[in-house]
Amino acid sequence: MSDCAVGVSNMATAKANHLPALALNVIRPALVEAKLLTDKHARDAVYVVTLTEELRSIEEKIAAMEEALQLVLQQEDALAQEKASRTPQNGPDANWIRAKSSELSRRLRRIEQSAKSE
């Protein structure tokens, strides 16, 4: 393995080791906020766009953690993930945001369980 690959591997492991702090301090509160999205807030276009961007950022972080921990998604999870990832044609709405938040919460729980068992 090259020095670069070892460095990347060590960085991924370090990131995975900091999972509890990241999950508790950053990701969980954002997912809870998304799940509690009210219809009133859903009518605020700027709020919806901001929340959508935050969910996509969280999804990237979770994907990186899954890769670092070498988690294999089950087929049904992959299909659910693909379905939830699709943004409605007329833009994200409250239902999409809540569904995406639930999907990311499930993936985060799987990561946390995997990290505990290692």
N, C-alpha and C. Protein backbone atom coordinates (compact mmCIF):
# COMPACT_ATOMS: atom_id res chain seq x y z
N MET A 1 0.85 -1.17 0.00
CA MET A 1 0.00 0.00 0.00
C MET A 1 0.90 1.23 0.00
N SER A 2 0.59 2.20 -0.81
CA SER A 2 1.41 3.41 -0.91
C SER A 2 1.24 4.28 0.33
N ASP A 3 2.19 5.19 0.53
CA ASP A 3 2.10 6.11 1.67
C ASP A 3 0.84 6.95 1.60
N CYS A 4 0.45 7.34 0.39
CA CYS A 4 -0.76 8.14 0.20
C CYS A 4 -1.99 7.34 0.60
N ALA A 5 -2.05 6.09 0.17
CA ALA A 5 -3.20 5.24 0.49
C ALA A 5 -3.29 4.99 1.99
N VAL A 6 -2.12 4.79 2.63
CA VAL A 6 -2.09 4.59 4.08
C VAL A 6 -2.60 5.84 4.78
N GLY A 7 -2.17 7.01 4.30
CA GLY A 7 -2.61 8.28 4.88
C GLY A 7 -4.11 8.46 4.77
N VAL A 8 -4.64 8.14 3.60
CA VAL A 8 -6.08 8.25 3.39
C VAL A 8 -6.82 7.27 4.29
N SER A 9 -6.30 6.05 4.40
CA SER A 9 -6.92 5.05 5.25
C SER A 9 -6.90 5.49 6.72
N ASN A 10 -5.77 6.02 7.15
CA ASN A 10 -5.68 6.51 8.53
C ASN A 10 -6.62 7.67 8.77
N MET A 11 -6.77 8.54 7.78
CA MET A 11 -7.67 9.68 7.92
C MET A 11 -9.12 9.19 8.02
N ALA A 12 -9.49 8.22 7.20
CA ALA A 12 -10.84 7.68 7.24
C ALA A 12 -11.11 7.02 8.59
N THR A 13 -10.13 6.31 9.11
CA THR A 13 -10.27 5.67 10.41
C THR A 13 -10.42 6.71 11.51
N ALA A 14 -9.63 7.76 11.43
CA ALA A 14 -9.72 8.84 12.43
C ALA A 14 -11.10 9.48 12.38
N LYS A 15 -11.59 9.71 11.18
CA LYS A 15 -12.92 10.29 11.05
C LYS A 15 -13.97 9.37 11.64
N ALA A 16 -13.85 8.09 11.39
CA ALA A 16 -14.81 7.12 11.91
C ALA A 16 -14.74 7.07 13.44
N ASN A 17 -13.53 7.24 14.00
CA ASN A 17 -13.38 7.21 15.45
C ASN A 17 -14.02 8.42 16.12
N HIS A 18 -14.20 9.51 15.40
CA HIS A 18 -14.82 10.70 15.95
C HIS A 18 -16.32 10.73 15.66
N LEU A 19 -16.86 9.61 15.26
CA LEU A 19 -18.27 9.51 14.91
C LEU A 19 -19.21 9.96 16.02
N PRO A 20 -19.05 9.49 17.26
CA PRO A 20 -20.04 9.88 18.27
C PRO A 20 -20.15 11.39 18.43
N ALA A 21 -19.03 12.09 18.48
CA ALA A 21 -19.07 13.54 18.64
C ALA A 21 -19.72 14.19 17.43
N LEU A 22 -19.36 13.75 16.25
CA LEU A 22 -19.95 14.31 15.04
C LEU A 22 -21.45 14.05 15.00
N ALA A 23 -21.84 12.82 15.31
CA ALA A 23 -23.26 12.47 15.27
C ALA A 23 -24.07 13.25 16.30
N LEU A 24 -23.54 13.36 17.50
CA LEU A 24 -24.28 14.04 18.56
C LEU A 24 -24.32 15.55 18.39
N ASN A 25 -23.23 16.12 17.95
CA ASN A 25 -23.12 17.58 17.92
C ASN A 25 -23.53 18.23 16.61
N VAL A 26 -23.52 17.50 15.54
CA VAL A 26 -23.79 18.11 14.24
C VAL A 26 -24.95 17.45 13.50
N ILE A 27 -24.83 16.18 13.27
CA ILE A 27 -25.77 15.48 12.39
C ILE A 27 -27.13 15.28 13.04
N ARG A 28 -27.16 14.74 14.25
CA ARG A 28 -28.44 14.44 14.90
C ARG A 28 -29.35 15.67 15.00
N PRO A 29 -28.86 16.81 15.51
CA PRO A 29 -29.74 17.98 15.61
C PRO A 29 -30.32 18.42 14.26
N ALA A 30 -29.52 18.35 13.21
CA ALA A 30 -30.01 18.74 11.89
C ALA A 30 -31.08 17.77 11.40
N LEU A 31 -30.90 16.47 11.67
CA LEU A 31 -31.90 15.49 11.25
C LEU A 31 -33.19 15.65 12.03
N VAL A 32 -33.09 15.95 13.31
CA VAL A 32 -34.28 16.19 14.12
C VAL A 32 -35.03 17.42 13.61
N GLU A 33 -34.28 18.48 13.31
CA GLU A 33 -34.90 19.69 12.77
C GLU A 33 -35.65 19.39 11.48
N ALA A 34 -35.05 18.58 10.62
CA ALA A 34 -35.69 18.23 9.34
C ALA A 34 -36.96 17.41 9.58
N LYS A 35 -36.90 16.47 10.52
CA LYS A 35 -38.07 15.64 10.81
C LYS A 35 -39.23 16.46 11.35
N LEU A 36 -38.91 17.54 12.06
CA LEU A 36 -39.94 18.36 12.70
C LEU A 36 -40.39 19.53 11.82
N LEU A 37 -40.03 19.48 10.55
CA LEU A 37 -40.41 20.54 9.63
C LEU A 37 -41.93 20.72 9.61
N THR A 38 -42.36 21.93 9.87
CA THR A 38 -43.79 22.22 9.89
C THR A 38 -44.23 22.70 8.50
N ASP A 39 -45.52 22.65 8.26
CA ASP A 39 -46.04 23.14 6.98
C ASP A 39 -45.75 24.62 6.81
N LYS A 40 -45.78 25.35 7.91
CA LYS A 40 -45.49 26.79 7.84
C LYS A 40 -44.06 27.02 7.37
N HIS A 41 -43.10 26.30 7.95
CA HIS A 41 -41.71 26.43 7.52
C HIS A 41 -41.52 25.91 6.10
N ALA A 42 -42.29 24.91 5.72
CA ALA A 42 -42.17 24.34 4.38
C ALA A 42 -42.56 25.34 3.30
N ARG A 43 -43.33 26.36 3.66
CA ARG A 43 -43.71 27.40 2.68
C ARG A 43 -42.61 28.45 2.51
N ASP A 44 -41.60 28.42 3.38
CA ASP A 44 -40.47 29.36 3.30
C ASP A 44 -39.41 28.75 2.38
N ALA A 45 -39.36 29.25 1.15
CA ALA A 45 -38.48 28.67 0.13
C ALA A 45 -37.01 28.69 0.55
N VAL A 46 -36.56 29.76 1.16
CA VAL A 46 -35.16 29.85 1.58
C VAL A 46 -34.86 28.81 2.65
N TYR A 47 -35.75 28.63 3.59
CA TYR A 47 -35.57 27.64 4.65
C TYR A 47 -35.50 26.23 4.06
N VAL A 48 -36.40 25.93 3.12
CA VAL A 48 -36.43 24.61 2.50
C VAL A 48 -35.14 24.35 1.72
N VAL A 49 -34.67 25.32 0.97
CA VAL A 49 -33.43 25.15 0.21
C VAL A 49 -32.25 24.95 1.16
N THR A 50 -32.20 25.73 2.23
CA THR A 50 -31.12 25.60 3.20
C THR A 50 -31.14 24.23 3.87
N LEU A 51 -32.31 23.79 4.27
CA LEU A 51 -32.44 22.48 4.90
C LEU A 51 -32.10 21.35 3.93
N THR A 52 -32.49 21.51 2.68
CA THR A 52 -32.17 20.52 1.65
C THR A 52 -30.66 20.42 1.46
N GLU A 53 -29.99 21.55 1.39
CA GLU A 53 -28.53 21.55 1.24
C GLU A 53 -27.86 20.90 2.44
N GLU A 54 -28.38 21.16 3.62
CA GLU A 54 -27.83 20.57 4.84
C GLU A 54 -28.00 19.05 4.82
N LEU A 55 -29.16 18.57 4.38
CA LEU A 55 -29.39 17.12 4.30
C LEU A 55 -28.45 16.47 3.28
N ARG A 56 -28.22 17.13 2.18
CA ARG A 56 -27.30 16.58 1.17
C ARG A 56 -25.87 16.55 1.70
N SER A 57 -25.48 17.56 2.46
CA SER A 57 -24.16 17.59 3.08
C SER A 57 -24.02 16.46 4.10
N ILE A 58 -25.06 16.26 4.89
CA ILE A 58 -25.06 15.16 5.86
C ILE A 58 -24.98 13.82 5.15
N GLU A 59 -25.70 13.70 4.04
CA GLU A 59 -25.66 12.45 3.28
C GLU A 59 -24.25 12.15 2.80
N GLU A 60 -23.52 13.17 2.37
CA GLU A 60 -22.13 12.98 1.94
C GLU A 60 -21.26 12.51 3.11
N LYS A 61 -21.46 13.11 4.28
CA LYS A 61 -20.69 12.72 5.47
C LYS A 61 -21.00 11.27 5.85
N ILE A 62 -22.27 10.91 5.82
CA ILE A 62 -22.66 9.55 6.17
C ILE A 62 -22.09 8.56 5.15
N ALA A 63 -22.14 8.90 3.88
CA ALA A 63 -21.57 8.01 2.85
C ALA A 63 -20.07 7.82 3.09
N ALA A 64 -19.37 8.88 3.46
CA ALA A 64 -17.94 8.77 3.73
C ALA A 64 -17.68 7.88 4.95
N MET A 65 -18.52 8.02 5.97
CA MET A 65 -18.37 7.16 7.16
C MET A 65 -18.67 5.71 6.82
N GLU A 66 -19.70 5.49 6.00
CA GLU A 66 -20.03 4.12 5.59
C GLU A 66 -18.86 3.51 4.83
N GLU A 67 -18.25 4.31 3.97
CA GLU A 67 -17.11 3.82 3.20
C GLU A 67 -15.92 3.54 4.11
N ALA A 68 -15.67 4.44 5.06
CA ALA A 68 -14.55 4.26 5.98
C ALA A 68 -14.73 3.01 6.83
N LEU A 69 -15.96 2.73 7.21
CA LEU A 69 -16.24 1.55 8.02
C LEU A 69 -16.53 0.32 7.17
N GLN A 70 -16.50 0.50 5.86
CA GLN A 70 -16.72 -0.57 4.89
C GLN A 70 -18.05 -1.28 5.13
N LEU A 71 -19.08 -0.48 5.34
CA LEU A 71 -20.41 -1.06 5.51
C LEU A 71 -20.99 -1.41 4.16
N VAL A 72 -21.65 -2.53 4.10
CA VAL A 72 -22.30 -2.96 2.87
C VAL A 72 -23.80 -2.77 3.06
N LEU A 73 -24.40 -1.98 2.18
CA LEU A 73 -25.83 -1.77 2.26
C LEU A 73 -26.56 -3.01 1.75
N GLN A 74 -27.64 -3.32 2.43
CA GLN A 74 -28.48 -4.41 1.95
C GLN A 74 -29.25 -3.90 0.75
N GLN A 75 -29.70 -4.81 -0.10
CA GLN A 75 -30.39 -4.44 -1.33
C GLN A 75 -31.59 -3.56 -1.06
N GLU A 76 -32.40 -3.89 -0.07
CA GLU A 76 -33.60 -3.10 0.20
C GLU A 76 -33.24 -1.70 0.68
N ASP A 77 -32.15 -1.58 1.45
CA ASP A 77 -31.71 -0.26 1.89
C ASP A 77 -31.23 0.57 0.71
N ALA A 78 -30.54 -0.07 -0.23
CA ALA A 78 -30.05 0.64 -1.40
C ALA A 78 -31.21 1.17 -2.23
N LEU A 79 -32.25 0.37 -2.38
CA LEU A 79 -33.42 0.81 -3.14
C LEU A 79 -34.14 1.95 -2.42
N ALA A 80 -34.30 1.82 -1.12
CA ALA A 80 -34.96 2.88 -0.33
C ALA A 80 -34.13 4.16 -0.39
N GLN A 81 -32.82 4.00 -0.32
CA GLN A 81 -31.93 5.16 -0.38
C GLN A 81 -32.05 5.87 -1.73
N GLU A 82 -32.08 5.09 -2.80
CA GLU A 82 -32.20 5.67 -4.14
C GLU A 82 -33.53 6.42 -4.28
N LYS A 83 -34.59 5.81 -3.80
CA LYS A 83 -35.91 6.43 -3.89
C LYS A 83 -35.98 7.72 -3.09
N ALA A 84 -35.44 7.70 -1.86
CA ALA A 84 -35.48 8.88 -1.00
C ALA A 84 -34.54 9.97 -1.52
N SER A 85 -33.51 9.59 -2.25
CA SER A 85 -32.55 10.57 -2.75
C SER A 85 -33.11 11.40 -3.90
N ARG A 86 -34.06 10.83 -4.61
CA ARG A 86 -34.63 11.56 -5.73
C ARG A 86 -35.41 12.76 -5.24
N THR A 87 -35.04 13.92 -5.75
CA THR A 87 -35.75 15.14 -5.40
C THR A 87 -36.95 15.26 -6.33
N PRO A 88 -38.11 15.64 -5.80
CA PRO A 88 -39.28 15.82 -6.66
C PRO A 88 -38.99 16.83 -7.78
N GLN A 89 -39.67 16.66 -8.90
CA GLN A 89 -39.41 17.53 -10.07
C GLN A 89 -39.60 19.00 -9.75
N ASN A 90 -40.58 19.33 -8.93
CA ASN A 90 -40.83 20.74 -8.62
C ASN A 90 -40.07 21.18 -7.37
N GLY A 91 -39.02 20.45 -7.01
CA GLY A 91 -38.18 20.81 -5.88
C GLY A 91 -38.56 20.05 -4.63
N PRO A 92 -37.69 20.08 -3.64
CA PRO A 92 -37.96 19.36 -2.41
C PRO A 92 -39.13 19.97 -1.65
N ASP A 93 -39.91 19.11 -1.01
CA ASP A 93 -41.03 19.59 -0.21
C ASP A 93 -40.89 18.99 1.19
N ALA A 94 -41.84 19.28 2.05
CA ALA A 94 -41.78 18.81 3.43
C ALA A 94 -41.72 17.29 3.50
N ASN A 95 -42.48 16.60 2.67
CA ASN A 95 -42.48 15.13 2.69
C ASN A 95 -41.12 14.57 2.30
N TRP A 96 -40.51 15.15 1.27
CA TRP A 96 -39.18 14.70 0.84
C TRP A 96 -38.17 14.93 1.96
N ILE A 97 -38.22 16.09 2.58
CA ILE A 97 -37.27 16.42 3.65
C ILE A 97 -37.43 15.46 4.82
N ARG A 98 -38.66 15.16 5.21
CA ARG A 98 -38.89 14.23 6.31
C ARG A 98 -38.41 12.82 5.95
N ALA A 99 -38.70 12.38 4.71
CA ALA A 99 -38.27 11.05 4.26
C ALA A 99 -36.76 10.95 4.21
N LYS A 100 -36.11 11.98 3.69
CA LYS A 100 -34.65 11.99 3.59
C LYS A 100 -34.04 11.97 4.99
N SER A 101 -34.60 12.73 5.91
CA SER A 101 -34.11 12.76 7.27
C SER A 101 -34.23 11.39 7.93
N SER A 102 -35.34 10.72 7.72
CA SER A 102 -35.54 9.37 8.29
C SER A 102 -34.53 8.39 7.71
N GLU A 103 -34.31 8.46 6.41
CA GLU A 103 -33.34 7.58 5.75
C GLU A 103 -31.95 7.80 6.33
N LEU A 104 -31.55 9.06 6.47
CA LEU A 104 -30.22 9.36 6.98
C LEU A 104 -30.08 8.94 8.44
N SER A 105 -31.15 9.06 9.21
CA SER A 105 -31.13 8.60 10.61
C SER A 105 -30.90 7.09 10.69
N ARG A 106 -31.57 6.34 9.82
CA ARG A 106 -31.38 4.88 9.80
C ARG A 106 -29.94 4.54 9.44
N ARG A 107 -29.38 5.21 8.44
CA ARG A 107 -28.01 4.95 8.03
C ARG A 107 -27.03 5.31 9.15
N LEU A 108 -27.29 6.42 9.83
CA LEU A 108 -26.42 6.84 10.92
C LEU A 108 -26.46 5.84 12.07
N ARG A 109 -27.65 5.31 12.39
CA ARG A 109 -27.76 4.29 13.44
C ARG A 109 -26.95 3.05 13.07
N ARG A 110 -27.00 2.66 11.80
CA ARG A 110 -26.23 1.50 11.35
C ARG A 110 -24.74 1.74 11.53
N ILE A 111 -24.30 2.95 11.20
CA ILE A 111 -22.88 3.30 11.37
C ILE A 111 -22.50 3.26 12.85
N GLU A 112 -23.34 3.84 13.69
CA GLU A 112 -23.06 3.85 15.13
C GLU A 112 -22.97 2.43 15.68
N GLN A 113 -23.88 1.56 15.25
CA GLN A 113 -23.87 0.17 15.72
C GLN A 113 -22.60 -0.54 15.24
N SER A 114 -22.21 -0.27 14.00
CA SER A 114 -21.00 -0.89 13.47
C SER A 114 -19.76 -0.39 14.20
N ALA A 115 -19.72 0.90 14.50
CA ALA A 115 -18.58 1.47 15.20
C ALA A 115 -18.46 0.91 16.62
N LYS A 116 -19.59 0.67 17.27
CA LYS A 116 -19.59 0.11 18.62
C LYS A 116 -19.09 -1.32 18.64
N SER A 117 -19.39 -2.07 17.58
CA SER A 117 -19.03 -3.48 17.55
C SER A 117 -17.56 -3.70 17.17
N GLU A 118 -16.90 -2.66 16.70
CA GLU A 118 -15.48 -2.81 16.31
C GLU A 118 -14.56 -2.65 17.48
